[in-house]
Amino acid sequence: QVQLVESGGRLVQPGGSLTLSCAASDSSFGTLNMSWYRQAPGHQREWIGTTTPTGAYTTYADSVKGRFTITRDNAKNIAYLQMSSLKSEDTAVYYCEQRSSWGQGTQVTVSS
């Protein structure tokens, strides 16, 4: 089972940008869809988006469409979540997922 590790979360001001990373433990990463989710306090985990193995096709939740971009570098076994125009409601723990394997999450806090 692939191991996933997210990183890059931090405190950022509203309107700011941030890029999260998800590093996978083995090369099966490049053969699987990759998804990002988030969970805010008191809320259920929310799907953000999914990209196909080559990154050719990506779908997004309406809540982040146009602000978030998922990319991947299969040579490095890493996926990225680029976030811009961040809002306070984007505050959450962000997770990557691949074939039901989850990372530990990384905290993003959007606040002035």
N, C-alpha and C. Protein backbone atom coordinates (compact mmCIF):
# COMPACT_ATOMS: atom_id res chain seq x y z
N GLN A 1 0.84 -1.18 0.00
CA GLN A 1 0.00 0.00 0.00
C GLN A 1 0.89 1.25 0.00
N VAL A 2 0.58 2.18 -0.88
CA VAL A 2 1.40 3.38 -0.98
C VAL A 2 1.28 4.21 0.29
N GLN A 3 2.40 4.79 0.71
CA GLN A 3 2.42 5.72 1.83
C GLN A 3 2.46 7.15 1.28
N LEU A 4 1.66 8.02 1.87
CA LEU A 4 1.56 9.40 1.40
C LEU A 4 1.89 10.36 2.53
N VAL A 5 2.63 11.41 2.22
CA VAL A 5 3.00 12.41 3.21
C VAL A 5 2.74 13.80 2.64
N GLU A 6 1.83 14.52 3.28
CA GLU A 6 1.54 15.89 2.87
C GLU A 6 2.46 16.86 3.59
N SER A 7 2.71 17.99 2.96
CA SER A 7 3.51 19.04 3.59
C SER A 7 3.16 20.38 2.96
N GLY A 8 3.60 21.45 3.64
CA GLY A 8 3.43 22.78 3.08
C GLY A 8 2.36 23.63 3.75
N GLY A 9 1.59 23.05 4.64
CA GLY A 9 0.55 23.83 5.30
C GLY A 9 1.14 24.85 6.27
N ARG A 10 0.48 25.98 6.38
CA ARG A 10 0.91 27.04 7.28
C ARG A 10 -0.17 28.09 7.39
N LEU A 11 0.10 29.11 8.15
CA LEU A 11 -0.78 30.26 8.27
C LEU A 11 -0.56 31.18 7.07
N VAL A 12 -1.66 31.60 6.44
CA VAL A 12 -1.56 32.49 5.29
C VAL A 12 -2.69 33.51 5.38
N GLN A 13 -2.44 34.69 4.88
CA GLN A 13 -3.45 35.76 4.95
C GLN A 13 -4.53 35.57 3.88
N PRO A 14 -5.72 36.06 4.12
CA PRO A 14 -6.76 36.00 3.09
C PRO A 14 -6.28 36.66 1.80
N GLY A 15 -6.61 36.03 0.69
CA GLY A 15 -6.15 36.51 -0.60
C GLY A 15 -4.80 35.98 -1.01
N GLY A 16 -4.15 35.30 -0.10
CA GLY A 16 -2.82 34.78 -0.38
C GLY A 16 -2.83 33.47 -1.14
N SER A 17 -1.62 32.97 -1.39
CA SER A 17 -1.45 31.73 -2.13
C SER A 17 -0.58 30.76 -1.34
N LEU A 18 -0.75 29.49 -1.64
CA LEU A 18 0.01 28.45 -0.95
C LEU A 18 0.01 27.20 -1.81
N THR A 19 1.11 26.49 -1.78
CA THR A 19 1.19 25.21 -2.51
C THR A 19 1.50 24.09 -1.53
N LEU A 20 0.66 23.08 -1.55
CA LEU A 20 0.87 21.89 -0.74
C LEU A 20 1.48 20.79 -1.60
N SER A 21 2.23 19.91 -0.93
CA SER A 21 2.84 18.77 -1.61
C SER A 21 2.35 17.48 -1.00
N CYS A 22 2.32 16.45 -1.82
CA CYS A 22 1.99 15.10 -1.36
C CYS A 22 3.02 14.15 -1.96
N ALA A 23 3.88 13.61 -1.13
CA ALA A 23 4.93 12.71 -1.59
C ALA A 23 4.51 11.26 -1.37
N ALA A 24 4.66 10.46 -2.43
CA ALA A 24 4.28 9.04 -2.37
C ALA A 24 5.52 8.18 -2.22
N SER A 25 5.31 7.00 -1.65
CA SER A 25 6.45 6.15 -1.29
C SER A 25 6.97 5.28 -2.42
N ASP A 26 6.17 5.09 -3.47
CA ASP A 26 6.66 4.22 -4.53
C ASP A 26 6.11 4.62 -5.89
N SER A 27 6.63 3.99 -6.89
CA SER A 27 6.36 4.41 -8.27
C SER A 27 4.97 4.03 -8.77
N SER A 28 4.21 3.28 -7.97
CA SER A 28 2.83 3.02 -8.37
C SER A 28 2.03 4.32 -8.40
N PHE A 29 2.57 5.34 -7.76
CA PHE A 29 1.95 6.67 -7.75
C PHE A 29 1.56 7.11 -9.15
N GLY A 30 2.43 6.90 -10.10
CA GLY A 30 2.21 7.37 -11.46
C GLY A 30 1.17 6.60 -12.25
N THR A 31 0.64 5.55 -11.67
CA THR A 31 -0.34 4.74 -12.38
C THR A 31 -1.75 4.93 -11.85
N LEU A 32 -1.91 5.77 -10.85
CA LEU A 32 -3.18 5.91 -10.15
C LEU A 32 -3.70 7.34 -10.17
N ASN A 33 -5.03 7.47 -10.11
CA ASN A 33 -5.60 8.79 -9.86
C ASN A 33 -5.09 9.31 -8.51
N MET A 34 -5.06 10.62 -8.39
CA MET A 34 -4.65 11.25 -7.12
C MET A 34 -5.71 12.28 -6.75
N SER A 35 -6.13 12.25 -5.51
CA SER A 35 -7.16 13.18 -5.04
C SER A 35 -6.68 13.99 -3.85
N TRP A 36 -7.26 15.15 -3.72
CA TRP A 36 -7.05 15.98 -2.54
C TRP A 36 -8.41 16.16 -1.84
N TYR A 37 -8.36 16.18 -0.51
CA TYR A 37 -9.53 16.42 0.31
C TYR A 37 -9.14 17.42 1.41
N ARG A 38 -10.13 17.91 2.07
CA ARG A 38 -9.87 18.75 3.26
C ARG A 38 -10.97 18.53 4.29
N GLN A 39 -10.62 18.81 5.52
CA GLN A 39 -11.59 18.69 6.61
C GLN A 39 -11.43 19.85 7.55
N ALA A 40 -12.48 20.65 7.65
CA ALA A 40 -12.50 21.77 8.58
C ALA A 40 -13.08 21.31 9.90
N PRO A 41 -12.75 21.99 10.98
CA PRO A 41 -13.28 21.61 12.31
C PRO A 41 -14.81 21.56 12.29
N GLY A 42 -15.35 20.46 12.78
CA GLY A 42 -16.80 20.33 12.85
C GLY A 42 -17.47 20.00 11.54
N HIS A 43 -16.69 19.74 10.51
CA HIS A 43 -17.23 19.43 9.19
C HIS A 43 -16.75 18.06 8.72
N GLN A 44 -17.51 17.49 7.78
CA GLN A 44 -17.08 16.25 7.18
C GLN A 44 -15.95 16.52 6.19
N ARG A 45 -15.20 15.46 5.90
CA ARG A 45 -14.13 15.60 4.92
C ARG A 45 -14.75 15.93 3.56
N GLU A 46 -14.16 16.89 2.88
CA GLU A 46 -14.67 17.41 1.63
C GLU A 46 -13.70 17.10 0.49
N TRP A 47 -14.22 16.54 -0.57
CA TRP A 47 -13.42 16.30 -1.77
C TRP A 47 -13.10 17.63 -2.44
N ILE A 48 -11.83 17.80 -2.84
CA ILE A 48 -11.41 19.02 -3.51
C ILE A 48 -11.26 18.78 -5.02
N GLY A 49 -10.59 17.69 -5.36
CA GLY A 49 -10.37 17.42 -6.76
C GLY A 49 -9.60 16.14 -6.98
N THR A 50 -9.62 15.68 -8.22
CA THR A 50 -8.94 14.44 -8.61
C THR A 50 -8.27 14.63 -9.95
N THR A 51 -7.05 14.12 -10.06
CA THR A 51 -6.35 14.16 -11.33
C THR A 51 -6.04 12.73 -11.78
N THR A 52 -6.04 12.52 -13.07
CA THR A 52 -5.77 11.20 -13.63
C THR A 52 -4.27 10.88 -13.56
N PRO A 53 -3.88 9.64 -13.86
CA PRO A 53 -2.47 9.26 -13.70
C PRO A 53 -1.49 10.15 -14.45
N THR A 54 -1.82 10.60 -15.63
CA THR A 54 -0.89 11.46 -16.36
C THR A 54 -1.09 12.94 -16.05
N GLY A 55 -2.15 13.25 -15.33
CA GLY A 55 -2.47 14.65 -15.07
C GLY A 55 -3.19 15.33 -16.21
N ALA A 56 -3.57 14.54 -17.22
CA ALA A 56 -4.21 15.14 -18.39
C ALA A 56 -5.62 15.66 -18.09
N TYR A 57 -6.28 15.01 -17.13
CA TYR A 57 -7.64 15.41 -16.80
C TYR A 57 -7.75 15.60 -15.29
N THR A 58 -8.35 16.71 -14.91
CA THR A 58 -8.53 17.01 -13.50
C THR A 58 -9.92 17.60 -13.29
N THR A 59 -10.58 17.16 -12.25
CA THR A 59 -11.89 17.71 -11.90
C THR A 59 -11.80 18.33 -10.52
N TYR A 60 -12.63 19.35 -10.28
CA TYR A 60 -12.58 20.10 -9.04
C TYR A 60 -13.98 20.30 -8.46
N ALA A 61 -14.02 20.43 -7.15
CA ALA A 61 -15.25 20.84 -6.49
C ALA A 61 -15.55 22.29 -6.85
N ASP A 62 -16.82 22.61 -6.90
CA ASP A 62 -17.21 23.98 -7.24
C ASP A 62 -16.63 25.00 -6.28
N SER A 63 -16.45 24.59 -5.04
CA SER A 63 -15.97 25.52 -4.00
C SER A 63 -14.54 26.00 -4.25
N VAL A 64 -13.79 25.27 -5.05
CA VAL A 64 -12.39 25.63 -5.28
C VAL A 64 -12.07 25.87 -6.75
N LYS A 65 -13.00 25.60 -7.63
CA LYS A 65 -12.76 25.71 -9.06
C LYS A 65 -12.33 27.13 -9.42
N GLY A 66 -11.25 27.22 -10.18
CA GLY A 66 -10.73 28.52 -10.57
C GLY A 66 -9.73 29.10 -9.59
N ARG A 67 -9.66 28.53 -8.39
CA ARG A 67 -8.70 29.02 -7.38
C ARG A 67 -7.62 27.98 -7.07
N PHE A 68 -7.97 26.72 -7.15
CA PHE A 68 -7.05 25.64 -6.81
C PHE A 68 -6.66 24.87 -8.08
N THR A 69 -5.42 24.40 -8.11
CA THR A 69 -4.94 23.61 -9.23
C THR A 69 -4.16 22.41 -8.73
N ILE A 70 -4.51 21.25 -9.22
CA ILE A 70 -3.79 20.01 -8.87
C ILE A 70 -2.84 19.66 -10.00
N THR A 71 -1.60 19.43 -9.65
CA THR A 71 -0.61 18.97 -10.62
C THR A 71 0.15 17.80 -10.02
N ARG A 72 0.93 17.13 -10.86
CA ARG A 72 1.72 16.01 -10.36
C ARG A 72 3.00 15.88 -11.16
N ASP A 73 4.01 15.37 -10.48
CA ASP A 73 5.29 15.07 -11.11
C ASP A 73 5.55 13.59 -10.87
N ASN A 74 5.21 12.77 -11.83
CA ASN A 74 5.33 11.32 -11.64
C ASN A 74 6.78 10.86 -11.53
N ALA A 75 7.69 11.62 -12.11
CA ALA A 75 9.11 11.25 -12.01
C ALA A 75 9.60 11.37 -10.57
N LYS A 76 8.97 12.28 -9.81
CA LYS A 76 9.36 12.49 -8.41
C LYS A 76 8.37 11.87 -7.43
N ASN A 77 7.29 11.27 -7.95
CA ASN A 77 6.24 10.70 -7.08
C ASN A 77 5.65 11.75 -6.15
N ILE A 78 5.38 12.93 -6.68
CA ILE A 78 4.84 14.03 -5.88
C ILE A 78 3.63 14.65 -6.60
N ALA A 79 2.62 14.97 -5.82
CA ALA A 79 1.48 15.74 -6.31
C ALA A 79 1.45 17.07 -5.58
N TYR A 80 0.88 18.06 -6.24
CA TYR A 80 0.82 19.40 -5.67
C TYR A 80 -0.62 19.92 -5.68
N LEU A 81 -0.92 20.74 -4.70
CA LEU A 81 -2.18 21.46 -4.68
C LEU A 81 -1.83 22.94 -4.58
N GLN A 82 -2.00 23.65 -5.68
CA GLN A 82 -1.71 25.08 -5.72
C GLN A 82 -3.00 25.81 -5.39
N MET A 83 -2.94 26.65 -4.39
CA MET A 83 -4.12 27.36 -3.91
C MET A 83 -3.89 28.86 -4.00
N SER A 84 -4.85 29.57 -4.51
CA SER A 84 -4.74 31.02 -4.61
C SER A 84 -6.07 31.65 -4.17
N SER A 85 -6.04 32.95 -3.99
CA SER A 85 -7.23 33.70 -3.54
C SER A 85 -7.85 33.02 -2.33
N LEU A 86 -7.01 32.68 -1.39
CA LEU A 86 -7.47 31.91 -0.23
C LEU A 86 -8.42 32.72 0.64
N LYS A 87 -9.40 32.01 1.19
CA LYS A 87 -10.42 32.61 2.03
C LYS A 87 -10.38 31.94 3.40
N SER A 88 -10.98 32.56 4.36
CA SER A 88 -11.00 32.00 5.71
C SER A 88 -11.68 30.62 5.71
N GLU A 89 -12.65 30.45 4.83
CA GLU A 89 -13.34 29.17 4.78
C GLU A 89 -12.51 28.05 4.16
N ASP A 90 -11.33 28.37 3.67
CA ASP A 90 -10.40 27.35 3.19
C ASP A 90 -9.59 26.75 4.33
N THR A 91 -9.73 27.31 5.51
CA THR A 91 -9.01 26.77 6.66
C THR A 91 -9.46 25.34 6.93
N ALA A 92 -8.49 24.43 6.97
CA ALA A 92 -8.80 23.02 7.13
C ALA A 92 -7.50 22.23 7.19
N VAL A 93 -7.64 20.96 7.52
CA VAL A 93 -6.54 20.02 7.33
C VAL A 93 -6.71 19.43 5.93
N TYR A 94 -5.65 19.46 5.16
CA TYR A 94 -5.68 19.00 3.78
C TYR A 94 -5.00 17.64 3.67
N TYR A 95 -5.66 16.75 2.93
CA TYR A 95 -5.18 15.39 2.77
C TYR A 95 -5.07 15.03 1.29
N CYS A 96 -4.10 14.18 0.98
CA CYS A 96 -4.08 13.56 -0.33
C CYS A 96 -4.48 12.09 -0.17
N GLU A 97 -5.01 11.56 -1.24
CA GLU A 97 -5.53 10.18 -1.21
C GLU A 97 -5.27 9.51 -2.53
N GLN A 98 -4.89 8.23 -2.42
CA GLN A 98 -4.68 7.44 -3.62
C GLN A 98 -5.02 6.00 -3.28
N ARG A 99 -6.01 5.46 -4.00
CA ARG A 99 -6.46 4.09 -3.79
C ARG A 99 -6.69 3.81 -2.30
N SER A 100 -7.43 4.65 -1.67
CA SER A 100 -7.84 4.51 -0.27
C SER A 100 -6.70 4.63 0.73
N SER A 101 -5.52 5.03 0.28
CA SER A 101 -4.43 5.36 1.19
C SER A 101 -4.44 6.86 1.43
N TRP A 102 -4.26 7.24 2.67
CA TRP A 102 -4.32 8.65 3.06
C TRP A 102 -3.04 9.06 3.76
N GLY A 103 -2.69 10.33 3.57
CA GLY A 103 -1.61 10.89 4.35
C GLY A 103 -2.12 11.32 5.71
N GLN A 104 -1.23 11.93 6.50
CA GLN A 104 -1.59 12.36 7.85
C GLN A 104 -2.25 13.73 7.85
N GLY A 105 -2.15 14.44 6.73
CA GLY A 105 -2.75 15.76 6.62
C GLY A 105 -1.78 16.87 6.95
N THR A 106 -2.08 18.05 6.44
CA THR A 106 -1.29 19.24 6.73
C THR A 106 -2.26 20.40 6.96
N GLN A 107 -2.02 21.17 8.00
CA GLN A 107 -2.94 22.22 8.41
C GLN A 107 -2.72 23.49 7.61
N VAL A 108 -3.79 24.01 7.06
CA VAL A 108 -3.80 25.31 6.40
C VAL A 108 -4.74 26.22 7.17
N THR A 109 -4.23 27.34 7.59
CA THR A 109 -5.04 28.32 8.30
C THR A 109 -5.00 29.64 7.54
N VAL A 110 -6.16 30.13 7.17
CA VAL A 110 -6.27 31.39 6.45
C VAL A 110 -6.85 32.43 7.39
N SER A 111 -6.00 33.36 7.78
CA SER A 111 -6.42 34.34 8.77
C SER A 111 -5.51 35.55 8.71
N SER A 112 -6.08 36.71 9.03
CA SER A 112 -5.26 37.93 9.10
C SER A 112 -4.75 38.13 10.53
